N, C-alpha and C. Protein backbone atom coordinates (compact mmCIF):
# COMPACT_ATOMS: atom_id res chain seq x y z
N MET A 1 33.00 107.69 1.47
CA MET A 1 33.79 106.77 2.31
C MET A 1 33.38 105.38 1.88
N SER A 2 34.52 104.48 1.75
CA SER A 2 34.26 103.05 1.33
C SER A 2 33.63 102.36 2.51
N SER A 3 32.88 101.29 2.15
CA SER A 3 32.30 100.54 3.18
C SER A 3 33.38 99.64 3.82
N VAL A 4 33.26 99.41 5.11
CA VAL A 4 34.23 98.52 5.77
C VAL A 4 33.67 97.28 6.27
N ARG A 5 34.20 96.17 5.93
CA ARG A 5 33.75 94.87 6.44
C ARG A 5 34.45 94.57 7.75
N VAL A 6 33.69 94.46 8.82
CA VAL A 6 34.27 94.19 10.11
C VAL A 6 34.36 92.69 10.28
N PRO A 7 35.59 92.14 10.44
CA PRO A 7 35.75 90.76 10.66
C PRO A 7 35.00 90.23 11.89
N ARG A 8 34.34 89.15 11.70
CA ARG A 8 33.61 88.60 12.80
C ARG A 8 34.11 87.23 13.25
N ASP A 9 35.15 86.72 12.62
CA ASP A 9 35.66 85.48 12.90
C ASP A 9 36.07 85.37 14.38
N GLU A 10 35.61 84.31 15.08
CA GLU A 10 35.89 84.24 16.49
C GLU A 10 37.32 84.19 16.84
N ARG A 11 38.23 83.57 16.01
CA ARG A 11 39.66 83.61 16.32
C ARG A 11 40.24 84.97 16.25
N ALA A 12 39.84 85.78 15.31
CA ALA A 12 40.36 87.12 15.14
C ALA A 12 39.92 87.92 16.34
N VAL A 13 38.65 87.83 16.83
CA VAL A 13 38.13 88.48 17.87
C VAL A 13 38.80 88.10 19.18
N SER A 14 39.04 86.79 19.37
CA SER A 14 39.54 86.26 20.57
C SER A 14 41.01 86.57 20.91
N PHE A 15 41.86 86.76 19.89
CA PHE A 15 43.25 86.91 20.07
C PHE A 15 43.65 88.34 20.30
N ALA A 16 44.79 88.74 19.86
CA ALA A 16 45.48 89.93 20.22
C ALA A 16 44.68 91.18 19.91
N LEU A 17 43.89 91.15 18.80
CA LEU A 17 43.16 92.37 18.41
C LEU A 17 41.74 92.45 18.97
N ALA A 18 41.44 91.63 20.00
CA ALA A 18 40.09 91.56 20.43
C ALA A 18 39.51 92.94 20.80
N PRO A 19 40.17 93.72 21.62
CA PRO A 19 39.56 95.05 21.98
C PRO A 19 39.39 95.93 20.76
N PHE A 20 40.21 95.89 19.74
CA PHE A 20 40.08 96.63 18.56
C PHE A 20 38.88 96.13 17.73
N PHE A 21 38.76 94.86 17.57
CA PHE A 21 37.64 94.30 16.79
C PHE A 21 36.34 94.48 17.42
N ILE A 22 36.33 94.28 18.73
CA ILE A 22 35.01 94.53 19.48
C ILE A 22 34.50 95.95 19.31
N ALA A 23 35.43 96.81 19.55
CA ALA A 23 35.09 98.29 19.37
C ALA A 23 34.75 98.56 17.95
N ALA A 24 35.37 97.99 16.97
CA ALA A 24 35.12 98.15 15.57
C ALA A 24 33.67 97.66 15.26
N MET A 25 33.27 96.60 15.87
CA MET A 25 31.92 96.12 15.65
C MET A 25 30.81 96.99 16.20
N ILE A 26 31.21 97.56 17.36
CA ILE A 26 30.18 98.47 18.00
C ILE A 26 30.26 99.85 17.32
N PHE A 27 31.36 100.38 16.88
CA PHE A 27 31.49 101.67 16.32
C PHE A 27 31.79 101.70 14.87
N ALA A 28 31.34 100.62 14.16
CA ALA A 28 31.75 100.53 12.72
C ALA A 28 31.34 101.70 11.87
N SER A 29 30.28 102.42 12.28
CA SER A 29 29.80 103.68 11.49
C SER A 29 30.62 104.80 11.73
N SER A 30 31.48 104.85 12.76
CA SER A 30 32.34 105.99 13.03
C SER A 30 33.46 106.06 11.95
N PRO A 31 33.60 107.30 11.40
CA PRO A 31 34.63 107.35 10.33
C PRO A 31 36.05 107.10 10.82
N TRP A 32 36.42 107.47 12.03
CA TRP A 32 37.81 107.22 12.47
C TRP A 32 38.02 105.71 12.66
N PHE A 33 36.95 104.99 13.11
CA PHE A 33 37.18 103.57 13.22
C PHE A 33 37.26 102.94 11.92
N ALA A 34 36.47 103.34 10.98
CA ALA A 34 36.49 102.78 9.60
C ALA A 34 37.86 103.00 9.01
N GLN A 35 38.45 104.12 9.26
CA GLN A 35 39.84 104.42 8.75
C GLN A 35 40.91 103.61 9.49
N ALA A 36 40.71 103.42 10.75
CA ALA A 36 41.69 102.54 11.47
C ALA A 36 41.56 101.10 11.06
N LEU A 37 40.37 100.51 10.83
CA LEU A 37 40.18 99.16 10.35
C LEU A 37 40.76 98.95 8.99
N GLU A 38 40.62 99.90 8.10
CA GLU A 38 41.15 99.86 6.78
C GLU A 38 42.70 99.78 6.85
N ARG A 39 43.35 100.19 7.87
CA ARG A 39 44.81 100.18 7.98
C ARG A 39 45.34 98.91 8.49
N VAL A 40 44.47 98.00 8.86
CA VAL A 40 44.99 96.67 9.41
C VAL A 40 45.22 95.89 8.12
N PRO A 41 46.43 95.49 7.97
CA PRO A 41 46.80 94.75 6.68
C PRO A 41 46.10 93.50 6.60
N ALA A 42 45.69 93.19 5.34
CA ALA A 42 45.00 91.86 5.01
C ALA A 42 45.75 90.68 5.46
N ALA A 43 47.10 90.74 5.42
CA ALA A 43 47.94 89.68 5.83
C ALA A 43 47.74 89.44 7.34
N HIS A 44 47.56 90.45 8.15
CA HIS A 44 47.32 90.33 9.58
C HIS A 44 45.98 89.68 9.84
N ILE A 45 45.00 90.06 9.15
CA ILE A 45 43.62 89.47 9.23
C ILE A 45 43.70 87.94 8.90
N ALA A 46 44.43 87.68 7.76
CA ALA A 46 44.59 86.32 7.29
C ALA A 46 45.26 85.46 8.35
N PHE A 47 46.41 86.02 8.99
CA PHE A 47 47.16 85.34 9.96
C PHE A 47 46.19 84.96 11.15
N LEU A 48 45.41 85.94 11.65
CA LEU A 48 44.58 85.66 12.74
C LEU A 48 43.51 84.60 12.36
N HIS A 49 43.00 84.71 11.16
CA HIS A 49 41.94 83.75 10.79
C HIS A 49 42.53 82.38 10.66
N ASP A 50 43.79 82.23 10.30
CA ASP A 50 44.38 80.93 10.12
C ASP A 50 44.97 80.29 11.35
N LEU A 51 44.93 81.00 12.42
CA LEU A 51 45.49 80.40 13.77
C LEU A 51 44.76 79.16 14.15
N LYS A 52 45.36 78.22 14.68
CA LYS A 52 44.76 77.03 15.21
C LYS A 52 44.08 77.42 16.52
N THR A 53 43.02 76.71 16.92
CA THR A 53 42.37 76.98 18.11
C THR A 53 43.10 76.28 19.31
N HIS A 54 44.04 75.40 19.09
CA HIS A 54 44.72 74.79 20.22
C HIS A 54 46.04 74.15 19.65
N PHE A 55 46.93 73.86 20.46
CA PHE A 55 48.21 73.18 20.18
C PHE A 55 48.62 72.21 21.35
N LEU A 56 48.77 71.02 20.95
CA LEU A 56 49.04 69.95 21.93
C LEU A 56 50.49 69.43 21.68
N VAL A 57 51.28 69.49 22.73
CA VAL A 57 52.62 69.02 22.61
C VAL A 57 53.11 68.36 24.03
N ASP A 58 53.60 67.24 23.98
CA ASP A 58 54.12 66.53 25.19
C ASP A 58 53.23 66.68 26.47
N GLY A 59 51.94 66.36 26.24
CA GLY A 59 51.05 66.32 27.38
C GLY A 59 50.56 67.72 27.88
N THR A 60 50.90 68.73 27.18
CA THR A 60 50.46 70.14 27.51
C THR A 60 49.62 70.69 26.32
N LEU A 61 48.47 71.13 26.65
CA LEU A 61 47.48 71.72 25.75
C LEU A 61 47.51 73.24 25.80
N PHE A 62 47.85 73.97 24.79
CA PHE A 62 47.83 75.37 24.74
C PHE A 62 46.49 75.79 24.04
N VAL A 63 45.79 76.60 24.74
CA VAL A 63 44.42 77.02 24.17
C VAL A 63 44.16 78.36 24.72
N HIS A 64 43.44 79.17 23.96
CA HIS A 64 43.18 80.51 24.31
C HIS A 64 42.44 80.62 25.64
N ALA A 65 41.20 80.06 25.81
CA ALA A 65 40.40 80.21 27.03
C ALA A 65 40.33 79.01 27.95
N GLY A 66 40.29 77.84 27.33
CA GLY A 66 40.26 76.60 28.18
C GLY A 66 39.41 75.57 27.35
N ILE A 67 39.07 74.53 28.10
CA ILE A 67 38.24 73.47 27.49
C ILE A 67 37.03 73.14 28.33
N ARG A 68 35.99 72.60 27.76
CA ARG A 68 34.82 72.19 28.52
C ARG A 68 35.18 70.89 29.21
N PRO A 69 35.20 70.82 30.55
CA PRO A 69 35.68 69.65 31.20
C PRO A 69 34.73 68.39 30.87
N GLY A 70 35.44 67.27 30.80
CA GLY A 70 34.76 66.06 30.43
C GLY A 70 34.42 65.77 29.05
N ILE A 71 34.73 66.64 28.10
CA ILE A 71 34.56 66.55 26.72
C ILE A 71 35.83 66.28 26.03
N PRO A 72 35.93 65.26 25.20
CA PRO A 72 37.18 64.95 24.50
C PRO A 72 37.63 66.05 23.65
N LEU A 73 38.96 66.24 23.61
CA LEU A 73 39.52 67.39 22.68
C LEU A 73 39.01 67.42 21.35
N SER A 74 38.80 66.28 20.78
CA SER A 74 38.31 66.15 19.39
C SER A 74 36.91 66.63 19.15
N THR A 75 36.18 66.74 20.26
CA THR A 75 34.72 67.27 20.08
C THR A 75 34.52 68.54 20.82
N GLN A 76 35.59 69.21 21.25
CA GLN A 76 35.44 70.52 21.89
C GLN A 76 35.06 71.49 20.75
N THR A 77 34.16 72.48 21.08
CA THR A 77 33.68 73.46 20.16
C THR A 77 34.75 74.70 20.11
N GLU A 78 34.79 75.32 18.95
CA GLU A 78 35.70 76.41 18.82
C GLU A 78 35.25 77.52 19.81
N THR A 79 33.94 77.70 20.05
CA THR A 79 33.37 78.59 21.02
C THR A 79 33.97 78.39 22.43
N ASP A 80 33.95 77.13 22.82
CA ASP A 80 34.47 76.82 24.23
C ASP A 80 35.95 77.04 24.28
N LEU A 81 36.70 76.67 23.30
CA LEU A 81 38.14 76.81 23.22
C LEU A 81 38.58 78.33 23.35
N LEU A 82 37.70 79.21 22.78
CA LEU A 82 38.04 80.63 22.74
C LEU A 82 37.34 81.46 23.86
N TRP A 83 36.26 81.00 24.37
CA TRP A 83 35.49 81.82 25.23
C TRP A 83 35.14 81.32 26.65
N ILE A 84 35.30 79.98 26.89
CA ILE A 84 34.87 79.39 28.05
C ILE A 84 35.58 80.11 29.30
N ARG A 85 34.89 80.18 30.43
CA ARG A 85 35.49 80.70 31.67
C ARG A 85 35.04 79.82 32.89
N GLN A 86 33.98 80.19 33.48
CA GLN A 86 33.65 79.71 34.81
C GLN A 86 33.63 78.15 34.96
N GLU A 87 33.09 77.49 34.12
CA GLU A 87 32.98 76.02 34.13
C GLU A 87 34.36 75.43 34.14
N PHE A 88 35.21 75.93 33.28
CA PHE A 88 36.55 75.50 33.10
C PHE A 88 37.38 75.86 34.38
N HIS A 89 37.25 77.11 34.83
CA HIS A 89 37.94 77.60 35.95
C HIS A 89 37.61 76.85 37.28
N ASP A 90 36.28 76.51 37.43
CA ASP A 90 35.88 75.82 38.58
C ASP A 90 36.20 74.32 38.60
N TYR A 91 36.58 73.79 37.60
CA TYR A 91 36.84 72.34 37.51
C TYR A 91 38.28 72.09 38.13
N GLN A 92 38.26 71.18 39.22
CA GLN A 92 39.61 71.09 39.94
C GLN A 92 40.19 69.73 39.76
N ASN A 93 39.48 68.83 39.00
CA ASN A 93 40.10 67.52 38.77
C ASN A 93 41.06 67.61 37.63
N ASP A 94 41.84 66.61 37.40
CA ASP A 94 42.83 66.53 36.34
C ASP A 94 42.07 66.50 34.97
N HIS A 95 42.69 67.18 34.02
CA HIS A 95 42.25 67.08 32.62
C HIS A 95 43.18 66.03 32.00
N GLU A 96 42.90 65.60 30.81
CA GLU A 96 43.77 64.68 30.12
C GLU A 96 45.15 65.29 29.96
N TYR A 97 45.22 66.64 29.91
CA TYR A 97 46.49 67.37 29.67
C TYR A 97 46.63 68.49 30.68
N LEU A 98 47.81 69.04 30.86
CA LEU A 98 47.95 70.22 31.58
C LEU A 98 47.46 71.30 30.54
N ILE A 99 46.67 72.21 30.96
CA ILE A 99 46.04 73.26 30.07
C ILE A 99 46.80 74.58 30.28
N VAL A 100 47.35 75.07 29.35
CA VAL A 100 47.95 76.46 29.45
C VAL A 100 47.02 77.37 28.67
N HIS A 101 46.55 78.34 29.35
CA HIS A 101 45.45 79.26 28.77
C HIS A 101 45.66 80.68 29.21
N GLY A 102 44.79 81.53 28.63
CA GLY A 102 44.73 82.90 28.94
C GLY A 102 43.24 83.27 29.08
N HIS A 103 42.88 84.35 28.47
CA HIS A 103 41.49 84.82 28.29
C HIS A 103 40.87 85.48 29.49
N THR A 104 41.33 85.14 30.69
CA THR A 104 40.80 85.74 31.90
C THR A 104 42.06 86.18 32.66
N PRO A 105 42.25 87.57 32.73
CA PRO A 105 43.40 88.18 33.38
C PRO A 105 43.43 87.83 34.81
N VAL A 106 44.61 87.44 35.37
CA VAL A 106 44.88 87.32 36.73
C VAL A 106 46.02 88.20 37.12
N GLN A 107 46.06 88.60 38.43
CA GLN A 107 47.16 89.49 38.86
C GLN A 107 48.55 88.91 38.64
N ASN A 108 48.66 87.65 38.83
CA ASN A 108 49.92 86.91 38.73
C ASN A 108 49.69 85.53 37.93
N ILE A 109 50.54 85.23 37.00
CA ILE A 109 50.44 84.04 36.31
C ILE A 109 50.32 82.93 37.39
N THR A 110 49.34 82.01 37.23
CA THR A 110 49.02 81.05 38.34
C THR A 110 48.91 79.68 37.81
N HIS A 111 49.55 78.73 38.57
CA HIS A 111 49.53 77.26 38.27
C HIS A 111 48.44 76.73 39.20
N TYR A 112 47.34 76.16 38.68
CA TYR A 112 46.32 75.60 39.46
C TYR A 112 46.46 74.07 39.66
N GLY A 113 47.43 73.43 39.10
CA GLY A 113 47.58 72.06 39.17
C GLY A 113 47.17 71.29 37.92
N ASN A 114 45.88 71.64 37.50
CA ASN A 114 45.44 71.01 36.21
C ASN A 114 45.45 72.03 35.09
N ARG A 115 45.80 73.30 35.37
CA ARG A 115 45.89 74.28 34.36
C ARG A 115 46.80 75.47 34.79
N VAL A 116 47.30 76.19 33.88
CA VAL A 116 48.12 77.36 34.20
C VAL A 116 47.57 78.56 33.36
N ASN A 117 47.17 79.54 34.14
CA ASN A 117 46.66 80.83 33.59
C ASN A 117 47.74 81.75 33.35
N ILE A 118 48.11 82.05 32.07
CA ILE A 118 49.18 82.98 31.74
C ILE A 118 48.74 84.34 31.32
N ASP A 119 47.39 84.56 31.56
CA ASP A 119 46.95 85.94 31.20
C ASP A 119 47.23 86.85 32.36
N GLY A 120 48.36 87.62 32.19
CA GLY A 120 48.72 88.56 33.27
C GLY A 120 48.18 89.94 33.08
N GLY A 121 47.32 90.15 32.12
CA GLY A 121 46.65 91.41 31.84
C GLY A 121 47.38 92.37 30.95
N ALA A 122 48.11 91.88 30.07
CA ALA A 122 48.94 92.77 29.11
C ALA A 122 48.00 93.62 28.35
N ALA A 123 46.77 93.09 28.04
CA ALA A 123 45.79 93.91 27.28
C ALA A 123 45.31 95.07 28.03
N TYR A 124 45.67 95.09 29.38
CA TYR A 124 45.26 96.25 30.15
C TYR A 124 46.43 97.05 30.65
N GLY A 125 47.50 96.84 30.02
CA GLY A 125 48.71 97.68 30.30
C GLY A 125 49.69 96.99 31.25
N ARG A 126 49.37 95.81 31.78
CA ARG A 126 50.44 95.15 32.56
C ARG A 126 51.41 94.49 31.67
N GLU A 127 52.53 94.02 32.23
CA GLU A 127 53.57 93.35 31.57
C GLU A 127 53.18 92.01 31.04
N LEU A 128 53.67 91.65 29.90
CA LEU A 128 53.56 90.27 29.31
C LEU A 128 54.56 89.49 29.98
N THR A 129 54.14 88.32 30.57
CA THR A 129 55.11 87.44 31.25
C THR A 129 55.15 86.08 30.58
N PRO A 130 56.34 85.81 29.97
CA PRO A 130 56.46 84.51 29.28
C PRO A 130 56.69 83.40 30.30
N ILE A 131 56.45 82.23 29.80
CA ILE A 131 56.74 81.05 30.69
C ILE A 131 57.76 80.08 30.08
N VAL A 132 58.38 79.28 30.84
CA VAL A 132 59.28 78.22 30.35
C VAL A 132 58.61 76.92 30.96
N ILE A 133 58.44 75.89 30.07
CA ILE A 133 58.05 74.60 30.55
C ILE A 133 59.18 73.68 30.32
N ASP A 134 59.78 73.17 31.39
CA ASP A 134 60.95 72.34 31.36
C ASP A 134 60.60 70.98 32.05
N GLY A 135 60.14 70.07 31.24
CA GLY A 135 59.60 68.81 31.77
C GLY A 135 58.44 69.04 32.60
N ALA A 136 58.32 68.71 33.80
CA ALA A 136 57.27 68.92 34.70
C ALA A 136 57.29 70.27 35.47
N ASP A 137 58.41 71.01 35.24
CA ASP A 137 58.59 72.36 35.89
C ASP A 137 58.12 73.33 35.02
N ILE A 138 57.45 74.41 35.63
CA ILE A 138 56.90 75.54 34.89
C ILE A 138 57.47 76.78 35.61
N PHE A 139 58.00 77.64 34.74
CA PHE A 139 58.63 78.93 35.30
C PHE A 139 58.03 80.09 34.70
N ALA A 140 57.80 81.23 35.40
CA ALA A 140 57.52 82.51 34.81
C ALA A 140 58.81 83.22 34.66
N LEU A 141 58.97 83.91 33.58
CA LEU A 141 60.15 84.71 33.33
C LEU A 141 59.90 86.13 33.60
N GLY A 142 60.68 86.70 34.52
CA GLY A 142 60.38 88.10 34.90
C GLY A 142 61.72 88.90 34.97
N ARG A 143 61.65 90.04 35.45
CA ARG A 143 62.87 90.92 35.74
C ARG A 143 63.96 90.27 36.52
N ASP A 144 63.52 89.36 37.49
CA ASP A 144 64.46 88.68 38.33
C ASP A 144 64.85 87.26 37.87
N GLY A 145 64.54 86.98 36.62
CA GLY A 145 64.86 85.62 36.12
C GLY A 145 63.65 84.68 36.23
N ARG A 146 63.96 83.40 36.31
CA ARG A 146 62.96 82.38 36.46
C ARG A 146 62.34 82.25 37.78
N VAL A 147 61.02 82.15 37.83
CA VAL A 147 60.39 81.99 39.16
C VAL A 147 59.47 80.70 38.94
N ARG A 148 59.79 79.67 39.76
CA ARG A 148 58.95 78.45 39.63
C ARG A 148 57.49 78.65 39.95
N LEU A 149 56.56 78.17 39.11
CA LEU A 149 55.13 78.18 39.44
C LEU A 149 54.77 76.90 40.10
N GLU A 150 54.29 77.00 41.32
CA GLU A 150 53.82 75.76 42.01
C GLU A 150 52.37 75.72 42.01
N PRO A 151 51.76 74.53 41.88
CA PRO A 151 50.38 74.43 42.02
C PRO A 151 49.77 74.69 43.36
């Protein structure tokens, strides 16, 4: 059996394939995991590796997990952008931007005033819920159409 290099890049682990890669790191010696990992196309690994850690447009910052409050965006660490939780969630003051994030599943997409958590738990079998940002208005798109998200 050929040896398998398990990608450990934080962006790859943090995004869509997180459960797969975490399990692969734990069970890398398992033959079936090695075979599954070998089937992930190199282009997919490259795509995940090349993803930006954040995207800023029109006063809205899109980031995987959040930001460390009080730290300028230019000095945020990749670890915080991809993994932060409690300190970011507990911060109730305004950030410089409206933060749209995931990383921590919530039962319903939630607008907290200074941030919007769009992680509805799709990784756990729940439906993926897209949002629409229309100026200052934010809507969840569901089976019944647009639903305004209020802080």
